[in-house]
């Protein structure tokens, strides 16, 4: 009987820890998203709004411009 209670307790503790980690990851994702948006606004302001973002891919690629080199997030 004690063994099943011990297992139940461990399972509950593990579940609580897993949920805490998932919550922390969600917070980090949100912070990253906010930072990325802030960087996009900053680049857009300094590069004449030539930043484009695709929902399929979040990589940064250089975009050729006659006056200066800018980056597009595609």
C-alpha atoms as a PDB file:
ATOM      1  CA  UNK A   1       0.000   0.000   0.000  1.00  0.00           C
ATOM      2  CA  UNK A   2       2.793   2.431   0.775  1.00  0.00           C
ATOM      3  CA  UNK A   3       4.439   1.737  -2.571  1.00  0.00           C
ATOM      4  CA  UNK A   4       1.361   2.802  -4.556  1.00  0.00           C
ATOM      5  CA  UNK A   5       1.015   5.947  -2.433  1.00  0.00           C
ATOM      6  CA  UNK A   6       4.689   6.707  -3.004  1.00  0.00           C
ATOM      7  CA  UNK A   7       4.265   6.240  -6.762  1.00  0.00           C
ATOM      8  CA  UNK A   8       1.180   8.434  -6.756  1.00  0.00           C
ATOM      9  CA  UNK A   9       3.054  11.136  -4.856  1.00  0.00           C
ATOM     10  CA  UNK A  10       6.000  10.954  -7.266  1.00  0.00           C
ATOM     11  CA  UNK A  11       3.698  11.081 -10.275  1.00  0.00           C
ATOM     12  CA  UNK A  12       1.964  14.163  -8.881  1.00  0.00           C
ATOM     13  CA  UNK A  13       5.307  15.861  -8.158  1.00  0.00           C
ATOM     14  CA  UNK A  14       6.588  15.027 -11.635  1.00  0.00           C
ATOM     15  CA  UNK A  15       3.402  16.377 -13.216  1.00  0.00           C
ATOM     16  CA  UNK A  16       3.695  19.593 -11.202  1.00  0.00           C
ATOM     17  CA  UNK A  17       7.343  20.012 -12.262  1.00  0.00           C
ATOM     18  CA  UNK A  18       6.472  19.339 -15.891  1.00  0.00           C
ATOM     19  CA  UNK A  19       3.688  21.930 -15.782  1.00  0.00           C
ATOM     20  CA  UNK A  20       6.052  24.466 -14.220  1.00  0.00           C
ATOM     21  CA  UNK A  21       8.595  23.874 -17.002  1.00  0.00           C
ATOM     22  CA  UNK A  22       5.881  24.212 -19.661  1.00  0.00           C
ATOM     23  CA  UNK A  23       4.734  27.492 -18.107  1.00  0.00           C
ATOM     24  CA  UNK A  24       8.310  28.804 -18.071  1.00  0.00           C
ATOM     25  CA  UNK A  25       8.758  27.836 -21.728  1.00  0.00           C
ATOM     26  CA  UNK A  26       5.549  29.646 -22.655  1.00  0.00           C
ATOM     27  CA  UNK A  27       6.813  32.780 -20.895  1.00  0.00           C
ATOM     28  CA  UNK A  28      10.166  32.547 -22.674  1.00  0.00           C
ATOM     29  CA  UNK A  29       8.430  32.115 -26.044  1.00  0.00           C
ATOM     30  CA  UNK A  30       6.345  35.224 -25.388  1.00  0.00           C
ATOM     31  CA  UNK A  31       9.433  37.242 -24.398  1.00  0.00           C
ATOM     32  CA  UNK A  32      11.248  36.062 -27.518  1.00  0.00           C
ATOM     33  CA  UNK A  33       8.282  37.017 -29.681  1.00  0.00           C
ATOM     34  CA  UNK A  34       8.191  40.489 -28.121  1.00  0.00           C
ATOM     35  CA  UNK A  35      11.955  40.942 -28.629  1.00  0.00           C
ATOM     36  CA  UNK A  36      11.654  39.855 -32.254  1.00  0.00           C
ATOM     37  CA  UNK A  37       8.818  42.313 -32.865  1.00  0.00           C
ATOM     38  CA  UNK A  38      10.846  45.066 -31.206  1.00  0.00           C
ATOM     39  CA  UNK A  39      13.833  44.275 -33.441  1.00  0.00           C
ATOM     40  CA  UNK A  40      11.606  44.242 -36.525  1.00  0.00           C
ATOM     41  CA  UNK A  41      10.224  47.669 -35.643  1.00  0.00           C
ATOM     42  CA  UNK A  42      13.728  48.965 -35.012  1.00  0.00           C
ATOM     43  CA  UNK A  43      15.031  47.626 -38.332  1.00  0.00           C
ATOM     44  CA  UNK A  44      11.967  48.929 -40.159  1.00  0.00           C
ATOM     45  CA  UNK A  45      12.478  52.398 -38.718  1.00  0.00           C
ATOM     46  CA  UNK A  46      16.156  52.479 -39.669  1.00  0.00           C
ATOM     47  CA  UNK A  47      15.858  50.734 -43.051  1.00  0.00           C
ATOM     48  CA  UNK A  48      12.802  52.296 -44.596  1.00  0.00           C
ATOM     49  CA  UNK A  49      10.311  49.560 -43.712  1.00  0.00           C
ATOM     50  CA  UNK A  50      11.905  46.902 -45.951  1.00  0.00           C
ATOM     51  CA  UNK A  51      11.448  44.115 -43.433  1.00  0.00           C
ATOM     52  CA  UNK A  52       9.038  41.392 -44.344  1.00  0.00           C
ATOM     53  CA  UNK A  53       8.141  38.452 -42.202  1.00  0.00           C
ATOM     54  CA  UNK A  54       6.752  35.198 -43.459  1.00  0.00           C
ATOM     55  CA  UNK A  55       4.772  32.887 -41.236  1.00  0.00           C
ATOM     56  CA  UNK A  56       6.535  29.897 -42.742  1.00  0.00           C
ATOM     57  CA  UNK A  57      10.111  30.785 -41.839  1.00  0.00           C
ATOM     58  CA  UNK A  58      11.696  33.137 -39.308  1.00  0.00           C
ATOM     59  CA  UNK A  59      15.184  33.367 -40.785  1.00  0.00           C
ATOM     60  CA  UNK A  60      16.932  36.617 -41.643  1.00  0.00           C
ATOM     61  CA  UNK A  61      18.032  37.055 -45.258  1.00  0.00           C
ATOM     62  CA  UNK A  62      19.829  40.026 -46.837  1.00  0.00           C
ATOM     63  CA  UNK A  63      17.792  42.114 -49.267  1.00  0.00           C
ATOM     64  CA  UNK A  64      19.533  44.159 -51.916  1.00  0.00           C
ATOM     65  CA  UNK A  65      18.674  47.840 -51.975  1.00  0.00           C
ATOM     66  CA  UNK A  66      20.329  50.521 -54.141  1.00  0.00           C
ATOM     67  CA  UNK A  67      21.067  52.903 -51.284  1.00  0.00           C
ATOM     68  CA  UNK A  68      22.096  50.447 -48.560  1.00  0.00           C
ATOM     69  CA  UNK A  69      21.918  46.821 -47.511  1.00  0.00           C
ATOM     70  CA  UNK A  70      18.920  45.805 -45.439  1.00  0.00           C
ATOM     71  CA  UNK A  71      17.555  42.565 -44.055  1.00  0.00           C
ATOM     72  CA  UNK A  72      14.238  40.872 -44.556  1.00  0.00           C
ATOM     73  CA  UNK A  73      12.863  38.338 -42.143  1.00  0.00           C
ATOM     74  CA  UNK A  74      11.218  35.708 -44.312  1.00  0.00           C
END
